[in-house]
Amino acid sequence: MAAMQLTQSGTSKFAQAGKFQLHYNEAGDGDPLIFLHGSGPGATSWSNFISNFAFFAEHYRVILIDQPGYGESDTVVVPQDTTRQKVNSDAVKDLMDTLGIKKASFVGNSMGGATALSFAVDYPDRVDKLILMGSGGAGDFIFAPLPTEGIKLRDESFRTPSAASIRAFIEVMVYDASFLTEELLQQRFESMMLKKEHIDSFLKSNFAPRDIAAQIKGIKAPTLLIHGRNDRVVPYESSLRLLASIASSRLVIFNQCGHWTQYEKGAEFNRLVLDFMQNN
């Protein structure tokens, strides 16, 4: 399947997932492989995984989900009695029910990794394999100061959305910002401004993370952890903690790489994940 065939509009779909209408992009056949994007204004799974979509669609039924409050999906104000990770986990489950998917593998970046971890805790029988890159959800850090540089810039870009603030946030996501194009930065800014209610809802939401550190130890699914050594958003200590907690996990750390391993190490990332999917 040629990458040119997979356009955003040509793969765009909507479905009702419980109380949310979710937007997603879909291509390919075979076992379902669900991609979950990170946080930050303008984030979508299309923008997070545009360089990986066509590759994996040659092998799997690939679904790129815009989680609630992002992209073209319904917005959400996360109330104080729950967490964003739980809201996202339940929304993914509801979408799978709508699409008739009983079990899937998950590729989650940052917040998407935290969603995948929550899903694995909540619905273990519906998880085949987990691939988590720069994942949140591991609990508090010992060595890294919080909030991290990247989280500070993310929150600033929500509070004062502009082309300049989104550029500062995106540039901290990578080790070498020279490959970031004006087209990519403009696309992220336009995505951020497409549904301004997402920005307002984020600022009104409960920011507290879900504490599932104890339950993570019960995850049985084969798990591949991938992290950039130079990640300034989620320190690689997070993946070290997950490696210690998940018995069936392995960890690959890329040097000279930031938070977006799927971008900066794209070809190597694709080969690594495909080998894991096919041989575990």
Protein backbone atom coordinates (compact mmCIF):
# COMPACT_ATOMS: atom_id res chain seq x y z
CA MET A 1 0.00 0.00 0.00
CA ALA A 2 1.64 3.25 -1.10
CA ALA A 3 1.86 6.09 1.41
CA MET A 4 0.35 8.51 -1.14
CA GLN A 5 -2.91 6.57 -1.00
CA LEU A 6 -3.39 7.24 2.69
CA THR A 7 -4.67 10.77 2.91
CA GLN A 8 -6.21 12.25 6.01
CA SER A 9 -9.55 12.84 4.30
CA GLY A 10 -9.53 9.47 2.53
CA THR A 11 -9.14 7.51 5.77
CA SER A 12 -11.24 9.75 8.03
CA LYS A 13 -14.21 8.20 9.88
CA PHE A 14 -16.54 8.89 12.81
CA ALA A 15 -18.31 6.55 15.20
CA GLN A 16 -20.34 6.84 18.38
CA ALA A 17 -18.38 5.49 21.34
CA GLY A 18 -20.60 5.58 24.40
CA LYS A 19 -21.29 9.24 25.12
CA PHE A 20 -18.62 10.49 22.71
CA GLN A 21 -18.52 10.75 18.96
CA LEU A 22 -14.93 9.90 18.13
CA HIS A 23 -12.97 10.64 15.00
CA TYR A 24 -10.43 8.13 13.70
CA ASN A 25 -8.44 7.24 10.59
CA GLU A 26 -8.49 3.65 9.39
CA ALA A 27 -6.67 1.63 6.75
CA GLY A 28 -5.49 -1.93 6.16
CA ASP A 29 -6.77 -5.40 7.00
CA GLY A 30 -5.95 -8.09 9.52
CA ASP A 31 -5.50 -7.95 13.28
CA PRO A 32 -6.44 -4.56 14.74
CA LEU A 33 -3.62 -2.23 15.76
CA ILE A 34 -4.83 0.90 17.56
CA PHE A 35 -2.67 4.04 17.76
CA LEU A 36 -3.18 6.57 20.57
CA HIS A 37 -1.66 10.05 20.41
CA GLY A 38 -0.08 12.20 23.10
CA SER A 39 -1.38 15.38 24.68
CA GLY A 40 -0.81 19.00 23.78
CA PRO A 41 -2.94 21.45 21.80
CA GLY A 42 -3.64 20.30 18.27
CA ALA A 43 -2.59 16.71 18.94
CA THR A 44 -4.20 13.97 16.86
CA SER A 45 -3.20 10.42 16.06
CA TRP A 46 -2.86 11.46 12.40
CA SER A 47 -0.28 14.12 13.28
CA ASN A 48 1.49 11.79 15.74
CA PHE A 49 1.70 8.79 13.43
CA ILE A 50 1.58 10.12 9.87
CA SER A 51 5.04 8.66 9.19
CA ASN A 52 4.04 5.20 10.46
CA PHE A 53 0.45 4.80 9.25
CA ALA A 54 1.04 3.44 5.74
CA PHE A 55 3.81 1.08 6.85
CA PHE A 56 1.65 -0.70 9.40
CA ALA A 57 -1.48 -0.62 7.21
CA GLU A 58 0.34 -3.04 4.92
CA HIS A 59 0.24 -5.61 7.73
CA TYR A 60 -2.68 -4.76 10.06
CA ARG A 61 -6.04 -3.07 10.38
CA VAL A 62 -4.68 0.24 11.65
CA ILE A 63 -6.92 2.64 13.57
CA LEU A 64 -5.64 6.09 14.60
CA ILE A 65 -7.99 7.39 17.31
CA ASP A 66 -8.51 11.03 18.28
CA GLN A 67 -9.13 10.69 22.01
CA PRO A 68 -11.90 12.77 23.66
CA GLY A 69 -11.00 16.44 23.69
CA TYR A 70 -8.67 16.19 20.70
CA GLY A 71 -8.88 16.52 16.93
CA GLU A 72 -12.35 16.13 15.50
CA SER A 73 -13.63 14.04 18.41
CA ASP A 74 -16.10 15.39 20.97
CA THR A 75 -14.66 17.59 23.66
CA VAL A 76 -14.72 16.73 27.35
CA VAL A 77 -14.22 18.44 30.68
CA VAL A 78 -12.72 15.77 32.94
CA PRO A 79 -14.54 16.05 36.30
CA GLN A 80 -12.81 15.90 39.67
CA ASP A 81 -14.14 12.42 40.47
CA THR A 82 -12.26 10.74 37.62
CA THR A 83 -9.15 11.14 35.47
CA ARG A 84 -8.36 11.73 31.82
CA GLN A 85 -6.75 8.29 31.59
CA LYS A 86 -9.96 6.60 32.78
CA VAL A 87 -12.13 8.68 30.45
CA ASN A 88 -9.87 7.79 27.52
CA SER A 89 -9.69 4.10 28.43
CA ASP A 90 -13.48 3.78 28.57
CA ALA A 91 -13.88 5.71 25.30
CA VAL A 92 -11.46 3.33 23.53
CA LYS A 93 -13.39 0.35 24.89
CA ASP A 94 -16.69 1.83 23.69
CA LEU A 95 -15.25 2.48 20.23
CA MET A 96 -14.00 -1.10 20.01
CA ASP A 97 -17.50 -2.29 20.94
CA THR A 98 -19.00 -0.11 18.20
CA LEU A 99 -16.52 -1.40 15.63
CA GLY A 100 -16.93 -5.03 16.69
CA ILE A 101 -13.31 -5.39 17.84
CA LYS A 102 -12.96 -7.90 20.65
CA LYS A 103 -9.19 -7.65 21.09
CA ALA A 104 -6.47 -5.33 19.79
CA SER A 105 -2.84 -4.35 20.13
CA PHE A 106 -2.04 -0.78 21.09
CA VAL A 107 0.66 1.74 20.18
CA GLY A 108 0.56 4.64 22.63
CA ASN A 109 2.72 7.76 22.75
CA SER A 110 2.93 9.80 25.99
CA MET A 111 -0.70 10.35 27.10
CA GLY A 112 -1.65 7.63 24.62
CA GLY A 113 0.67 5.27 26.48
CA ALA A 114 -1.07 6.16 29.74
CA THR A 115 -4.40 5.46 28.05
CA ALA A 116 -3.14 2.07 26.86
CA LEU A 117 -1.89 1.21 30.35
CA SER A 118 -5.25 2.16 31.86
CA PHE A 119 -7.02 0.09 29.23
CA ALA A 120 -4.79 -2.91 29.99
CA VAL A 121 -5.65 -2.58 33.69
CA ASP A 122 -9.38 -2.10 33.08
CA TYR A 123 -9.89 -4.57 30.21
CA PRO A 124 -6.99 -7.06 30.24
CA ASP A 125 -8.81 -9.68 28.14
CA ARG A 126 -9.11 -7.18 25.27
CA VAL A 127 -5.38 -6.49 24.95
CA ASP A 128 -3.09 -8.50 22.68
CA LYS A 129 0.19 -6.53 22.79
CA LEU A 130 1.31 -3.13 24.07
CA ILE A 131 3.85 -0.78 22.48
CA LEU A 132 4.46 2.29 24.63
CA MET A 133 6.70 5.18 23.62
CA GLY A 134 7.62 7.92 26.08
CA SER A 135 4.66 6.71 28.06
CA GLY A 136 3.08 8.46 30.99
CA GLY A 137 1.15 6.56 33.64
CA ALA A 138 4.09 5.02 35.52
CA GLY A 139 3.64 7.11 38.65
CA ASP A 140 5.79 9.79 40.29
CA PHE A 141 9.43 10.24 39.32
CA ILE A 142 12.35 10.11 41.73
CA PHE A 143 15.10 11.80 39.73
CA ALA A 144 13.27 14.11 37.32
CA PRO A 145 11.88 17.46 38.50
CA LEU A 146 8.17 17.97 37.93
CA PRO A 147 6.62 19.43 35.94
CA THR A 148 9.12 18.73 33.19
CA GLU A 149 10.24 21.33 30.67
CA GLY A 150 7.95 19.82 28.04
CA ILE A 151 4.88 19.75 30.30
CA LYS A 152 5.45 23.40 31.22
CA LEU A 153 5.55 24.36 27.54
CA ARG A 154 2.50 22.20 26.79
CA ASP A 155 0.46 23.94 29.48
CA GLU A 156 1.69 27.35 28.37
CA SER A 157 0.56 26.64 24.80
CA PHE A 158 -2.91 25.76 26.14
CA ARG A 159 -3.07 28.95 28.22
CA THR A 160 -1.75 31.24 25.47
CA PRO A 161 -2.39 29.47 22.14
CA SER A 162 -0.34 30.96 19.32
CA ALA A 163 1.96 29.92 16.51
CA ALA A 164 4.92 30.85 18.73
CA SER A 165 3.80 28.82 21.75
CA ILE A 166 3.01 25.76 19.66
CA ARG A 167 6.43 26.02 17.98
CA ALA A 168 8.17 26.13 21.37
CA PHE A 169 6.22 23.08 22.51
CA ILE A 170 6.81 21.05 19.36
CA GLU A 171 10.53 21.87 19.29
CA VAL A 172 11.01 20.47 22.81
CA MET A 173 9.46 17.18 21.68
CA VAL A 174 12.47 16.26 19.56
CA TYR A 175 16.24 16.04 19.99
CA ASP A 176 17.00 17.74 16.66
CA ALA A 177 14.38 20.32 15.69
CA SER A 178 16.00 21.01 12.30
CA PHE A 179 13.83 18.39 10.57
CA LEU A 180 10.57 20.01 11.70
CA THR A 181 8.99 21.66 8.68
CA GLU A 182 6.94 24.84 8.59
CA GLU A 183 4.16 22.71 7.10
CA LEU A 184 4.10 20.44 10.16
CA LEU A 185 4.13 23.36 12.58
CA GLN A 186 1.38 25.16 10.64
CA GLN A 187 -0.72 21.98 10.53
CA ARG A 188 -0.42 21.58 14.31
CA PHE A 189 -1.38 25.24 14.87
CA GLU A 190 -4.40 24.95 12.57
CA SER A 191 -5.44 21.74 14.33
CA MET A 192 -5.18 23.52 17.67
CA MET A 193 -7.44 26.35 16.48
CA LEU A 194 -9.96 24.10 14.69
CA LYS A 195 -11.97 23.35 17.84
CA LYS A 196 -11.17 26.03 20.41
CA GLU A 197 -13.55 24.36 22.85
CA HIS A 198 -10.89 21.66 23.29
CA ILE A 199 -8.53 24.28 24.74
CA ASP A 200 -11.13 25.67 27.16
CA SER A 201 -12.16 22.18 28.23
CA PHE A 202 -8.57 21.12 28.88
CA LEU A 203 -7.99 24.10 31.17
CA LYS A 204 -11.19 23.31 33.12
CA SER A 205 -10.39 19.61 33.49
CA ASN A 206 -9.01 17.62 36.39
CA PHE A 207 -5.24 17.42 35.87
CA ALA A 208 -4.58 14.74 38.48
CA PRO A 209 -3.10 11.56 36.96
CA ARG A 210 -4.66 8.17 37.58
CA ASP A 211 -2.74 6.14 40.15
CA ILE A 212 -2.51 2.59 38.77
CA ALA A 213 1.10 1.84 39.72
CA ALA A 214 0.08 -1.21 41.76
CA GLN A 215 -2.27 -2.58 39.07
CA ILE A 216 0.34 -2.20 36.31
CA LYS A 217 2.25 -5.06 37.91
CA GLY A 218 -0.61 -7.35 36.90
CA ILE A 219 -0.36 -6.64 33.16
CA LYS A 220 0.30 -9.90 31.30
CA ALA A 221 0.32 -8.66 27.70
CA PRO A 222 3.70 -8.72 25.92
CA THR A 223 4.92 -5.13 26.18
CA LEU A 224 7.53 -3.21 24.18
CA LEU A 225 8.75 -0.01 25.83
CA ILE A 226 10.50 2.56 23.65
CA HIS A 227 12.01 5.80 24.92
CA GLY A 228 14.26 8.60 23.76
CA ARG A 229 17.29 9.13 26.03
CA ASN A 230 16.91 12.90 25.57
CA ASP A 231 13.15 13.07 26.23
CA ARG A 232 12.36 16.42 27.88
CA VAL A 233 8.63 15.73 28.23
CA VAL A 234 8.50 12.32 29.94
CA PRO A 235 11.93 11.29 31.30
CA TYR A 236 13.08 7.79 30.45
CA GLU A 237 12.85 6.97 34.15
CA SER A 238 9.17 6.37 33.36
CA SER A 239 9.96 3.44 31.07
CA LEU A 240 12.49 2.08 33.56
CA ARG A 241 9.72 1.98 36.16
CA LEU A 242 7.39 0.23 33.71
CA LEU A 243 10.13 -2.27 32.84
CA ALA A 244 10.46 -3.12 36.52
CA SER A 245 6.69 -3.49 36.92
CA ILE A 246 5.59 -5.42 33.81
CA ALA A 247 7.10 -8.91 33.82
CA SER A 248 6.53 -9.48 30.09
CA SER A 249 8.18 -6.21 29.01
CA ARG A 250 11.38 -5.20 27.27
CA LEU A 251 12.86 -1.72 26.79
CA VAL A 252 14.68 -0.06 23.90
CA ILE A 253 16.25 3.36 24.51
CA PHE A 254 17.37 5.52 21.59
CA ASN A 255 20.20 7.96 22.20
CA GLN A 256 20.05 11.40 20.55
CA CYS A 257 16.27 11.11 20.50
CA GLY A 258 13.51 13.04 22.21
CA HIS A 259 9.84 12.38 22.94
CA TRP A 260 8.79 11.46 19.39
CA THR A 261 10.73 8.27 18.67
CA GLN A 262 8.25 7.42 15.90
CA TYR A 263 9.38 10.59 14.05
CA GLU A 264 13.05 10.87 14.85
CA LYS A 265 13.77 7.15 14.49
CA GLY A 266 10.91 6.44 12.10
CA ALA A 267 12.28 3.62 9.93
CA GLU A 268 13.98 1.91 12.85
CA PHE A 269 10.86 2.33 14.98
CA ASN A 270 8.70 0.71 12.28
CA ARG A 271 11.02 -2.29 11.92
CA LEU A 272 11.31 -2.71 15.69
CA VAL A 273 7.56 -2.64 16.30
CA LEU A 274 6.76 -4.91 13.34
CA ASP A 275 9.28 -7.50 14.56
CA PHE A 276 7.78 -7.35 18.04
CA MET A 277 4.24 -7.70 16.69
CA GLN A 278 5.12 -10.67 14.50
CA ASN A 279 7.30 -12.59 16.95
CA ASN A 280 5.61 -12.24 20.36
